[in-house]
Amino acid sequence: MHPAIQHVLKFFAYDHLPEKLQVVSKPFGELAKQVAERSPDNQETTVALRKLLEAKDAAVRAVL
């Protein structure tokens, strides 16, 4: 897996979050892992993960 993809994936960790935020964050983390595993190691995969990260962050903030 390309280092850029690995770098973005670490931002999908959710174990450190309170339970109510884990419920929101976990599906995004699972999808990010699937995208990283099933997509080619290229720039577009990194872009897709970054956009998914933006969506995850917004969803978590909505719960706060």
Protein backbone atom coordinates (compact mmCIF):
# COMPACT_ATOMS: atom_id res chain seq x y z
CA MET A 1 0.00 0.00 0.00
CA HIS A 2 1.33 3.43 -0.93
CA PRO A 3 2.62 5.50 2.03
CA ALA A 4 0.24 8.38 1.21
CA ILE A 5 -2.72 6.02 1.51
CA GLN A 6 -1.42 4.61 4.79
CA HIS A 7 -0.98 8.16 6.08
CA VAL A 8 -4.61 9.09 5.43
CA LEU A 9 -5.94 5.82 6.85
CA LYS A 10 -4.58 6.56 10.32
CA PHE A 11 -7.02 9.47 10.61
CA PHE A 12 -9.93 7.01 10.48
CA ALA A 13 -9.06 5.51 13.88
CA TYR A 14 -12.01 5.68 16.25
CA ASP A 15 -11.13 3.58 19.33
CA HIS A 16 -10.02 6.67 21.21
CA LEU A 17 -13.37 8.42 20.77
CA PRO A 18 -16.29 8.38 23.21
CA GLU A 19 -18.89 5.73 22.38
CA LYS A 20 -21.40 8.18 20.86
CA LEU A 21 -18.75 9.38 18.39
CA GLN A 22 -17.44 5.89 17.67
CA VAL A 23 -20.88 4.94 16.38
CA VAL A 24 -20.66 7.72 13.81
CA SER A 25 -16.97 7.32 12.94
CA LYS A 26 -16.73 3.53 12.66
CA PRO A 27 -18.61 3.09 9.34
CA PHE A 28 -16.35 5.69 7.71
CA GLY A 29 -13.28 3.84 8.99
CA GLU A 30 -14.55 0.54 7.64
CA LEU A 31 -15.31 2.07 4.24
CA ALA A 32 -11.90 3.75 4.13
CA LYS A 33 -10.23 0.40 4.73
CA GLN A 34 -12.25 -1.19 1.91
CA VAL A 35 -11.41 1.64 -0.49
CA ALA A 36 -7.70 1.38 0.36
CA GLU A 37 -7.66 -2.39 -0.08
CA ARG A 38 -9.68 -2.56 -3.29
CA SER A 39 -8.39 0.48 -5.18
CA PRO A 40 -5.10 0.92 -7.01
CA ASP A 41 -2.20 2.67 -5.31
CA ASN A 42 -2.56 5.98 -7.07
CA GLN A 43 -3.31 9.62 -6.45
CA GLU A 44 -7.05 9.26 -7.04
CA THR A 45 -7.35 6.73 -4.23
CA THR A 46 -5.65 9.18 -1.90
CA VAL A 47 -8.06 11.92 -3.03
CA ALA A 48 -11.04 9.63 -2.46
CA LEU A 49 -9.85 8.85 1.07
CA ARG A 50 -9.24 12.51 1.86
CA LYS A 51 -12.77 13.41 0.76
CA LEU A 52 -14.17 10.55 2.84
CA LEU A 53 -12.16 11.89 5.77
CA GLU A 54 -13.78 15.31 5.30
CA ALA A 55 -17.21 13.68 5.36
CA LYS A 56 -16.35 11.68 8.48
CA ASP A 57 -15.10 14.79 10.27
CA ALA A 58 -18.30 16.66 9.41
CA ALA A 59 -20.47 13.78 10.61
CA VAL A 60 -18.59 13.57 13.90
CA ARG A 61 -18.81 17.34 14.40
CA ALA A 62 -22.55 17.19 13.77
CA VAL A 63 -22.93 14.96 16.81
CA LEU A 64 -20.93 17.24 19.09
